[in-house]
């Protein structure tokens, strides 16, 4: 029995919502829906909360510690899922998400808000990895792509309703009520997941995998488990290093400089231990898929950060139109993800990654064109939608490739490595782009030229991802 043997046998005509898979599908969808709702509703509230708590200078730490903590949460969830099955880390993640929303809602200082966001990042990392691992366990190969597409689709309504509803609640009452309301809503999927955990089949999967690995080591020796299990202390060190880096950009004195140096040192020493060997040189298989996840995520989320800033400051686009760009991007991502699910078996996964990366490269070029005064300002807004099309093609394909290349019973490790790479890619690419942006402004360049330089930089990870995608192809 291997990790794949835990997948329930099913008739060829069964679907995601047939009797065999309905409970798992509804549970996963509910968790992803409210996770997306919380993520998209909370982020617009953070500047309001930071101002109310007299902590605007520390806003970069509040905004960035979520990503830093999700590194640790992803490794914790992946290791736990490999040892005991995905049910327990999934349940722990959603319960922790409720607790952290309450911590943020009751914040009396900016540091408490930062702590709440850090814990929320741990919860989000655990949930994301556990969901991916659970999909690998619960569905056969032919349904996994559609299950991942459904998870993306669950973000459509939150992207439409989350930010405006949160804004109305904050305007009429308080930003704290947004956090309290989300905590109350998240209790429901928490209870559903805990009940699902009581199903013996979920508990048996993790135990079966453990017995399988034990037998494998007895038959082939300790060297059979070629993928090392990352130490949680290493993941914690990486999270602390990333958080120190986020704090360092909030000021320019000696203390901030020392924190920046310490953060970079921690990342350089410990990050390689969280990723598969050969990741930096795009070794074929899982290492290449992990690297591609970092490249594509870094390019997309940096574009998503700079385009609204361009529209709101340099091009003077009304905030409502900027918000519509976010909505369009979410719909485009979900639609593209649905399409790649329908292409299962017709187009090679690595070719979909190549196509997605090329579409993102075109989006970056469109964003750069949006800095030209002669073109309409909303040209750059269209870049967000186009980039989301590319990500909808590339992200689920890379997830499937990582699960295909992962050793038997180690889908949790593969999922945590992908999550780690995604977060590191976001921080690294955005950091370099921000440095280039500030460099241009420091030399007295016009704002539009600084934006054009930042967008031009994003061509590098997009082109690299398109070029290296072939190294992640299935055997």
Protein backbone atom coordinates (compact mmCIF):
# COMPACT_ATOMS: atom_id res chain seq x y z
CA UNK A 1 0.00 0.00 0.00
CA UNK A 2 1.37 3.43 -0.94
CA UNK A 3 0.19 6.96 -0.31
CA UNK A 4 -1.71 6.82 -3.60
CA UNK A 5 -3.48 3.65 -2.54
CA UNK A 6 -5.39 5.65 0.02
CA UNK A 7 -7.42 7.21 -2.80
CA UNK A 8 -10.86 5.68 -2.79
CA UNK A 9 -11.71 3.55 -5.85
CA UNK A 10 -14.44 5.15 -7.94
CA UNK A 11 -16.45 4.56 -11.06
CA UNK A 12 -15.35 6.45 -14.14
CA UNK A 13 -18.57 8.49 -14.24
CA UNK A 14 -18.33 9.81 -10.67
CA UNK A 15 -17.90 13.56 -10.18
CA UNK A 16 -16.79 15.91 -7.41
CA UNK A 17 -20.29 16.09 -5.93
CA UNK A 18 -21.23 12.43 -6.35
CA UNK A 19 -21.95 10.46 -3.19
CA UNK A 20 -18.37 9.21 -2.80
CA UNK A 21 -16.78 12.68 -2.79
CA UNK A 22 -19.60 15.06 -1.82
CA UNK A 23 -18.68 15.40 1.87
CA UNK A 24 -15.02 16.13 1.16
CA UNK A 25 -15.85 18.50 -1.70
CA UNK A 26 -18.35 20.54 0.32
CA UNK A 27 -15.98 20.71 3.31
CA UNK A 28 -12.99 21.83 1.25
CA UNK A 29 -15.09 24.36 -0.65
CA UNK A 30 -16.51 25.84 2.57
CA UNK A 31 -13.05 26.22 4.09
CA UNK A 32 -11.62 27.84 0.96
CA UNK A 33 -14.63 30.15 0.56
CA UNK A 34 -14.34 31.60 4.05
CA UNK A 35 -10.54 31.60 3.93
CA UNK A 36 -10.76 33.71 0.78
CA UNK A 37 -13.45 35.92 2.28
CA UNK A 38 -11.32 36.56 5.36
CA UNK A 39 -8.17 37.23 3.33
CA UNK A 40 -9.82 39.67 0.93
CA UNK A 41 -11.86 41.45 3.59
CA UNK A 42 -9.09 41.82 6.17
CA UNK A 43 -6.36 43.28 3.93
CA UNK A 44 -8.23 46.55 3.14
CA UNK A 45 -8.84 47.00 6.89
CA UNK A 46 -5.18 46.83 7.90
CA UNK A 47 -4.29 50.45 7.03
CA UNK A 48 -7.38 51.65 8.93
CA UNK A 49 -6.45 49.55 11.95
CA UNK A 50 -2.80 50.68 11.86
CA UNK A 51 -3.86 54.33 11.80
CA UNK A 52 -6.32 53.80 14.65
CA UNK A 53 -3.61 52.10 16.73
CA UNK A 54 -1.02 54.84 15.99
CA UNK A 55 1.18 52.29 14.24
CA UNK A 56 1.44 53.51 10.65
CA UNK A 57 5.28 53.32 10.62
CA UNK A 58 5.01 49.60 11.42
CA UNK A 59 2.43 48.92 8.71
CA UNK A 60 4.97 47.04 6.51
CA UNK A 61 5.49 44.60 9.38
CA UNK A 62 1.75 44.09 9.86
CA UNK A 63 1.21 43.58 6.14
CA UNK A 64 4.24 41.32 5.61
CA UNK A 65 4.31 39.13 8.71
CA UNK A 66 1.32 37.15 7.37
CA UNK A 67 3.40 35.89 4.43
CA UNK A 68 6.40 35.28 6.67
CA UNK A 69 4.35 33.18 9.09
CA UNK A 70 2.70 31.17 6.34
CA UNK A 71 6.16 29.77 5.56
CA UNK A 72 6.22 28.13 8.98
CA UNK A 73 2.56 27.14 8.75
CA UNK A 74 3.12 25.45 5.39
CA UNK A 75 6.01 23.33 6.64
CA UNK A 76 4.20 22.50 9.88
CA UNK A 77 1.07 21.48 8.01
CA UNK A 78 2.95 19.43 5.42
CA UNK A 79 4.99 17.53 7.99
CA UNK A 80 1.89 16.87 10.08
CA UNK A 81 -0.12 15.73 7.04
CA UNK A 82 2.57 13.23 6.05
CA UNK A 83 2.67 11.77 9.56
CA UNK A 84 -1.06 11.67 10.42
CA UNK A 85 -3.03 12.48 7.28
CA UNK A 86 -4.39 15.88 6.23
CA UNK A 87 -7.44 15.94 8.52
CA UNK A 88 -5.72 17.02 11.72
CA UNK A 89 -3.63 19.91 10.34
CA UNK A 90 -6.67 21.10 8.40
CA UNK A 91 -8.81 21.10 11.53
CA UNK A 92 -6.07 22.80 13.57
CA UNK A 93 -5.61 25.42 10.86
CA UNK A 94 -9.25 26.48 10.69
CA UNK A 95 -9.59 26.54 14.49
CA UNK A 96 -6.43 28.67 14.77
CA UNK A 97 -7.83 31.01 12.11
CA UNK A 98 -10.82 31.74 14.35
CA UNK A 99 -8.57 32.44 17.34
CA UNK A 100 -6.30 34.78 15.40
CA UNK A 101 -9.22 36.84 14.08
CA UNK A 102 -10.30 37.40 17.69
CA UNK A 103 -6.74 38.39 18.64
CA UNK A 104 -6.69 40.97 15.85
CA UNK A 105 -10.18 42.24 16.66
CA UNK A 106 -9.24 42.95 20.30
CA UNK A 107 -5.92 44.64 19.46
CA UNK A 108 -4.96 47.54 21.72
CA UNK A 109 -1.51 48.06 20.17
CA UNK A 110 0.01 47.67 16.72
CA UNK A 111 2.16 44.85 18.06
CA UNK A 112 -0.91 42.82 19.06
CA UNK A 113 -2.31 43.34 15.57
CA UNK A 114 0.99 42.15 14.11
CA UNK A 115 0.88 39.09 16.37
CA UNK A 116 -2.64 38.33 15.19
CA UNK A 117 -1.59 38.60 11.57
CA UNK A 118 1.44 36.39 12.22
CA UNK A 119 -0.71 33.66 13.78
CA UNK A 120 -3.19 34.03 10.93
CA UNK A 121 -0.33 33.39 8.52
CA UNK A 122 0.53 30.18 10.37
CA UNK A 123 -3.11 29.09 10.09
CA UNK A 124 -3.33 30.00 6.39
CA UNK A 125 -0.14 28.06 5.59
CA UNK A 126 -1.44 24.97 7.36
CA UNK A 127 -4.83 25.19 5.62
CA UNK A 128 -3.37 25.65 2.12
CA UNK A 129 -0.99 22.71 2.41
CA UNK A 130 -3.54 20.47 4.12
CA UNK A 131 -6.15 21.18 1.43
CA UNK A 132 -3.73 20.30 -1.37
CA UNK A 133 -2.63 17.14 0.43
CA UNK A 134 -6.23 16.18 1.16
CA UNK A 135 -7.12 16.57 -2.52
CA UNK A 136 -4.28 14.20 -3.40
CA UNK A 137 -5.67 11.67 -0.89
CA UNK A 138 -9.39 12.06 -1.49
CA UNK A 139 -9.69 12.12 -5.29
CA UNK A 140 -8.38 9.99 -8.17
CA UNK A 141 -6.07 11.55 -10.76
CA UNK A 142 -8.87 12.44 -13.18
CA UNK A 143 -10.69 14.57 -10.55
CA UNK A 144 -7.77 16.38 -8.94
CA UNK A 145 -7.50 19.12 -11.57
CA UNK A 146 -11.21 19.85 -11.27
CA UNK A 147 -11.01 19.88 -7.48
CA UNK A 148 -8.19 22.45 -7.61
CA UNK A 149 -10.20 24.51 -10.11
CA UNK A 150 -13.15 24.44 -7.69
CA UNK A 151 -10.90 25.72 -4.90
CA UNK A 152 -9.98 28.70 -7.12
CA UNK A 153 -13.63 29.26 -8.00
CA UNK A 154 -14.46 29.52 -4.29
CA UNK A 155 -12.61 32.86 -4.29
CA UNK A 156 -14.91 34.53 -6.84
CA UNK A 157 -17.71 35.61 -4.50
CA UNK A 158 -15.26 36.70 -1.75
CA UNK A 159 -13.42 38.82 -4.32
CA UNK A 160 -16.71 40.47 -5.33
CA UNK A 161 -18.25 40.95 -1.90
CA UNK A 162 -15.40 40.88 0.63
CA UNK A 163 -13.69 44.27 0.18
CA UNK A 164 -16.84 46.41 -0.29
CA UNK A 165 -18.68 44.73 2.59
CA UNK A 166 -15.69 45.16 4.88
CA UNK A 167 -15.44 48.81 3.84
CA UNK A 168 -19.11 49.42 4.62
CA UNK A 169 -18.86 47.74 8.02
CA UNK A 170 -15.75 49.76 8.89
CA UNK A 171 -17.39 53.00 7.73
CA UNK A 172 -20.65 52.44 9.60
CA UNK A 173 -19.25 50.79 12.74
CA UNK A 174 -15.61 49.76 13.22
CA UNK A 175 -12.80 47.74 11.66
CA UNK A 176 -12.91 45.55 14.76
CA UNK A 177 -16.39 44.35 13.82
CA UNK A 178 -14.97 43.08 10.53
CA UNK A 179 -12.59 40.78 12.39
CA UNK A 180 -15.27 39.67 14.88
CA UNK A 181 -17.73 38.95 12.07
CA UNK A 182 -15.22 36.89 10.13
CA UNK A 183 -14.37 34.92 13.27
CA UNK A 184 -18.06 34.08 13.77
CA UNK A 185 -18.43 32.97 10.15
CA UNK A 186 -15.29 30.82 10.25
CA UNK A 187 -16.63 28.82 13.21
CA UNK A 188 -18.98 26.97 10.85
CA UNK A 189 -16.34 25.35 8.57
CA UNK A 190 -14.23 24.70 11.66
CA UNK A 191 -16.98 22.52 13.09
CA UNK A 192 -17.53 20.82 9.73
CA UNK A 193 -13.86 19.91 9.44
CA UNK A 194 -13.70 18.63 13.02
CA UNK A 195 -16.72 16.40 12.32
CA UNK A 196 -15.13 15.20 9.08
CA UNK A 197 -12.00 14.32 11.05
CA UNK A 198 -14.04 11.80 13.04
CA UNK A 199 -14.50 9.75 9.85
CA UNK A 200 -12.31 6.63 10.28
CA UNK A 201 -11.31 6.73 6.61
CA UNK A 202 -9.49 10.04 7.10
CA UNK A 203 -7.63 8.80 10.15
CA UNK A 204 -6.81 5.57 8.44
CA UNK A 205 -5.14 7.31 5.52
CA UNK A 206 -2.43 8.84 7.63
CA UNK A 207 -1.89 5.65 9.59
CA UNK A 208 -1.74 3.62 6.39
CA UNK A 209 0.86 5.90 4.94
CA UNK A 210 2.96 5.60 8.07
CA UNK A 211 2.83 1.80 7.90
CA UNK A 212 3.66 1.95 4.19
CA UNK A 213 6.75 4.07 4.79
CA UNK A 214 7.86 1.78 7.60
CA UNK A 215 7.56 -1.30 5.36
CA UNK A 216 9.33 0.52 2.55
CA UNK A 217 12.29 1.29 4.79
CA UNK A 218 12.44 -2.31 6.00
CA UNK A 219 12.45 -3.60 2.42
CA UNK A 220 14.77 -1.10 0.76
CA UNK A 221 16.69 0.42 3.64
CA UNK A 222 16.76 3.94 5.11
CA UNK A 223 18.06 5.40 1.85
CA UNK A 224 14.68 4.75 0.22
CA UNK A 225 13.24 7.88 1.83
CA UNK A 226 15.35 10.21 -0.29
CA UNK A 227 13.44 13.41 0.52
CA UNK A 228 14.53 14.83 3.89
CA UNK A 229 11.84 15.96 6.30
CA UNK A 230 12.49 19.63 7.13
CA UNK A 231 12.93 20.56 10.77
CA UNK A 232 10.27 22.85 12.14
CA UNK A 233 12.95 24.94 13.81
CA UNK A 234 14.39 25.65 10.38
CA UNK A 235 10.99 26.81 9.16
CA UNK A 236 10.63 28.98 12.25
CA UNK A 237 14.04 30.55 11.57
CA UNK A 238 13.00 31.36 8.00
CA UNK A 239 9.76 32.95 9.21
CA UNK A 240 11.64 35.07 11.74
CA UNK A 241 14.13 36.10 9.06
CA UNK A 242 11.35 37.14 6.72
CA UNK A 243 9.59 39.07 9.50
CA UNK A 244 12.84 40.88 10.37
CA UNK A 245 13.19 41.84 6.74
CA UNK A 246 9.66 43.26 6.71
CA UNK A 247 10.40 45.24 9.87
CA UNK A 248 13.66 46.55 8.41
CA UNK A 249 11.89 48.43 5.62
CA UNK A 250 9.82 50.46 8.12
CA UNK A 251 12.77 52.72 8.99
CA UNK A 252 16.32 53.69 8.06
CA UNK A 253 18.14 53.87 11.40
CA UNK A 254 20.82 51.51 12.72
CA UNK A 255 18.31 49.25 14.47
CA UNK A 256 16.36 48.66 11.26
CA UNK A 257 19.59 48.09 9.35
CA UNK A 258 20.75 45.46 11.85
CA UNK A 259 17.36 43.72 11.67
CA UNK A 260 17.62 43.67 7.90
CA UNK A 261 21.09 42.13 7.99
CA UNK A 262 19.99 39.51 10.54
CA UNK A 263 16.90 38.68 8.47
CA UNK A 264 18.89 38.20 5.27
CA UNK A 265 21.44 36.04 7.09
CA UNK A 266 18.72 33.76 8.45
CA UNK A 267 17.14 33.41 5.02
CA UNK A 268 20.43 32.62 3.28
CA UNK A 269 21.34 29.95 5.83
CA UNK A 270 18.00 28.23 6.34
CA UNK A 271 15.89 28.62 3.19
CA UNK A 272 17.79 25.91 1.22
CA UNK A 273 16.87 23.39 3.92
CA UNK A 274 13.13 23.86 3.28
CA UNK A 275 13.27 23.25 -0.45
CA UNK A 276 14.06 20.08 -2.43
CA UNK A 277 17.70 19.62 -3.41
CA UNK A 278 18.33 21.15 -6.81
CA UNK A 279 15.61 23.81 -6.58
CA UNK A 280 17.91 26.74 -7.40
CA UNK A 281 19.22 25.00 -10.53
CA UNK A 282 15.76 23.82 -11.59
CA UNK A 283 16.58 20.11 -11.39
CA UNK A 284 14.02 18.03 -13.26
CA UNK A 285 10.86 17.02 -11.44
CA UNK A 286 9.78 18.41 -8.09
CA UNK A 287 12.66 20.92 -7.68
CA UNK A 288 11.79 22.59 -11.00
CA UNK A 289 8.08 22.74 -10.10
CA UNK A 290 8.92 24.34 -6.76
CA UNK A 291 11.14 26.98 -8.40
CA UNK A 292 8.49 27.74 -11.01
CA UNK A 293 5.92 28.35 -8.26
CA UNK A 294 8.19 30.99 -6.74
CA UNK A 295 8.90 32.70 -10.06
CA UNK A 296 5.27 32.92 -11.18
CA UNK A 297 3.93 33.95 -7.78
CA UNK A 298 6.61 36.59 -7.34
CA UNK A 299 5.85 38.14 -10.73
CA UNK A 300 2.08 38.10 -10.30
CA UNK A 301 1.76 39.40 -6.76
CA UNK A 302 4.33 42.13 -7.35
CA UNK A 303 2.34 43.24 -10.39
CA UNK A 304 -0.82 43.13 -8.27
CA UNK A 305 0.85 45.41 -5.69
CA UNK A 306 2.31 47.99 -8.07
CA UNK A 307 -0.55 48.39 -10.56
CA UNK A 308 -3.06 49.74 -7.97
CA UNK A 309 -0.35 52.05 -6.63
CA UNK A 310 0.27 53.33 -10.16
CA UNK A 311 -3.44 53.83 -10.82
CA UNK A 312 -4.16 55.59 -7.53
CA UNK A 313 -1.13 57.88 -7.41
CA UNK A 314 0.46 58.56 -10.78
CA UNK A 315 -2.58 58.04 -13.05
CA UNK A 316 -5.27 59.35 -10.67
CA UNK A 317 -7.78 56.57 -11.38
CA UNK A 318 -10.83 56.53 -9.03
CA UNK A 319 -10.60 53.83 -6.35
CA UNK A 320 -13.83 52.22 -7.57
CA UNK A 321 -12.24 51.46 -10.92
CA UNK A 322 -9.14 50.07 -9.22
CA UNK A 323 -11.38 47.80 -7.16
CA UNK A 324 -13.08 46.58 -10.32
CA UNK A 325 -9.65 45.56 -11.62
CA UNK A 326 -9.25 43.29 -8.58
CA UNK A 327 -12.69 41.81 -9.19
CA UNK A 328 -11.90 41.21 -12.86
CA UNK A 329 -8.62 39.56 -11.97
CA UNK A 330 -10.30 37.17 -9.51
CA UNK A 331 -12.91 36.15 -12.08
CA UNK A 332 -10.25 35.73 -14.78
CA UNK A 333 -8.13 33.53 -12.49
CA UNK A 334 -11.09 31.30 -11.64
CA UNK A 335 -12.18 31.04 -15.27
CA UNK A 336 -8.69 30.19 -16.47
CA UNK A 337 -8.32 27.63 -13.68
CA UNK A 338 -11.63 26.04 -14.72
CA UNK A 339 -10.41 25.86 -18.32
CA UNK A 340 -7.16 24.10 -17.40
CA UNK A 341 -9.20 21.56 -15.45
CA UNK A 342 -11.18 20.80 -18.62
CA UNK A 343 -7.95 20.32 -20.57
CA UNK A 344 -6.97 17.38 -18.34
CA UNK A 345 -5.37 14.71 -20.54
CA UNK A 346 -5.41 16.85 -23.69
CA UNK A 347 -2.51 19.22 -23.04
CA UNK A 348 0.66 18.43 -21.10
CA UNK A 349 0.82 20.17 -17.76
CA UNK A 350 4.21 21.74 -18.37
CA UNK A 351 2.88 23.27 -21.61
CA UNK A 352 0.08 24.92 -19.65
CA UNK A 353 2.71 26.35 -17.31
CA UNK A 354 4.66 27.69 -20.29
CA UNK A 355 1.52 29.25 -21.75
CA UNK A 356 0.57 30.79 -18.42
CA UNK A 357 4.03 32.29 -17.93
CA UNK A 358 3.99 33.77 -21.45
CA UNK A 359 0.57 35.31 -20.80
CA UNK A 360 1.97 36.84 -17.62
CA UNK A 361 4.89 38.22 -19.61
CA UNK A 362 2.41 39.88 -21.95
CA UNK A 363 0.58 41.29 -18.93
CA UNK A 364 3.80 42.78 -17.58
CA UNK A 365 4.43 44.44 -20.95
CA UNK A 366 0.86 45.80 -20.89
CA UNK A 367 1.41 47.22 -17.39
CA UNK A 368 4.60 48.92 -18.57
CA UNK A 369 2.66 50.38 -21.51
CA UNK A 370 0.14 51.70 -18.99
CA UNK A 371 2.82 54.07 -17.68
CA UNK A 372 2.86 55.94 -21.01
CA UNK A 373 0.88 59.19 -20.72
CA UNK A 374 -0.39 58.78 -24.30
CA UNK A 375 -2.26 55.57 -23.42
CA UNK A 376 -5.40 55.33 -21.24
CA UNK A 377 -4.68 54.85 -17.55
CA UNK A 378 -6.87 51.74 -17.43
CA UNK A 379 -4.40 49.99 -19.75
CA UNK A 380 -2.49 48.99 -16.63
CA UNK A 381 -5.71 47.75 -15.00
CA UNK A 382 -6.17 45.36 -17.91
CA UNK A 383 -2.72 43.96 -17.09
CA UNK A 384 -4.02 42.63 -13.77
CA UNK A 385 -6.81 40.71 -15.51
CA UNK A 386 -4.47 39.31 -18.16
CA UNK A 387 -1.90 38.26 -15.54
CA UNK A 388 -4.65 36.46 -13.61
CA UNK A 389 -5.44 34.43 -16.73
CA UNK A 390 -1.83 33.27 -16.80
CA UNK A 391 -1.82 32.40 -13.10
CA UNK A 392 -5.07 30.47 -13.44
CA UNK A 393 -3.36 28.28 -16.02
CA UNK A 394 0.00 27.93 -14.29
CA UNK A 395 -0.80 27.56 -10.58
CA UNK A 396 -3.08 24.47 -10.63
CA UNK A 397 -0.82 22.85 -13.24
CA UNK A 398 2.23 23.34 -11.03
CA UNK A 399 0.36 21.94 -8.03
CA UNK A 400 -0.55 18.82 -9.99
CA UNK A 401 3.01 18.43 -11.27
CA UNK A 402 4.36 18.71 -7.72
CA UNK A 403 1.98 15.98 -6.52
CA UNK A 404 2.96 13.79 -9.46
CA UNK A 405 6.68 14.18 -8.72
CA UNK A 406 6.39 13.80 -4.93
CA UNK A 407 7.59 10.51 -3.40
CA UNK A 408 4.87 8.09 -2.22
CA UNK A 409 3.28 9.32 0.98
CA UNK A 410 5.10 12.66 0.81
CA UNK A 411 2.49 14.86 -0.85
CA UNK A 412 2.47 16.98 2.30
CA UNK A 413 6.18 17.69 1.90
CA UNK A 414 5.68 18.65 -1.75
CA UNK A 415 2.77 20.94 -0.89
CA UNK A 416 4.72 22.67 1.89
CA UNK A 417 7.71 23.17 -0.43
CA UNK A 418 5.41 24.76 -3.01
CA UNK A 419 3.89 27.04 -0.36
CA UNK A 420 7.35 28.01 0.88
CA UNK A 421 8.51 28.80 -2.63
CA UNK A 422 5.39 30.86 -3.32
CA UNK A 423 5.91 33.01 -0.23
CA UNK A 424 9.64 33.42 -0.81
CA UNK A 425 9.00 34.33 -4.43
CA UNK A 426 6.55 37.04 -3.39
CA UNK A 427 8.94 38.55 -0.87
CA UNK A 428 12.05 38.32 -3.06
CA UNK A 429 10.61 39.64 -6.32
CA UNK A 430 8.63 42.38 -4.62
CA UNK A 431 11.66 43.40 -2.58
CA UNK A 432 13.90 43.71 -5.64
CA UNK A 433 11.19 45.55 -7.57
CA UNK A 434 10.64 47.96 -4.68
CA UNK A 435 14.39 48.59 -4.42
CA UNK A 436 14.58 49.37 -8.13
CA UNK A 437 11.51 51.59 -7.88
CA UNK A 438 12.99 53.59 -4.99
CA UNK A 439 16.35 53.78 -6.75
CA UNK A 440 14.77 55.48 -9.75
CA UNK A 441 12.88 57.87 -7.51
CA UNK A 442 16.08 58.61 -5.59
CA UNK A 443 17.81 59.68 -8.78
CA UNK A 444 15.01 62.15 -9.48
CA UNK A 445 13.25 60.15 -12.17
CA UNK A 446 9.60 60.76 -12.88
CA UNK A 447 7.12 58.51 -11.08
CA UNK A 448 6.02 56.87 -14.33
CA UNK A 449 9.62 55.95 -15.21
CA UNK A 450 10.06 54.29 -11.81
CA UNK A 451 6.92 52.23 -12.36
CA UNK A 452 8.06 51.26 -15.85
CA UNK A 453 11.39 50.04 -14.41
CA UNK A 454 9.63 47.93 -11.77
CA UNK A 455 7.33 46.38 -14.37
CA UNK A 456 10.24 45.74 -16.72
CA UNK A 457 11.98 43.76 -13.98
CA UNK A 458 9.00 41.39 -13.81
CA UNK A 459 9.75 40.19 -17.32
CA UNK A 460 12.72 38.28 -15.87
CA UNK A 461 10.79 35.78 -13.68
CA UNK A 462 8.06 35.46 -16.32
CA UNK A 463 10.48 34.56 -19.11
CA UNK A 464 12.47 32.26 -16.81
CA UNK A 465 9.29 30.39 -15.85
CA UNK A 466 8.29 29.95 -19.50
CA UNK A 467 11.76 28.68 -20.37
CA UNK A 468 12.18 26.30 -17.42
CA UNK A 469 8.68 24.79 -17.46
CA UNK A 470 9.83 21.85 -19.57
CA UNK A 471 12.01 20.68 -16.68
CA UNK A 472 8.91 20.03 -14.56
CA UNK A 473 7.14 17.86 -17.14
CA UNK A 474 5.74 14.49 -16.19
CA UNK A 475 7.85 11.42 -16.89
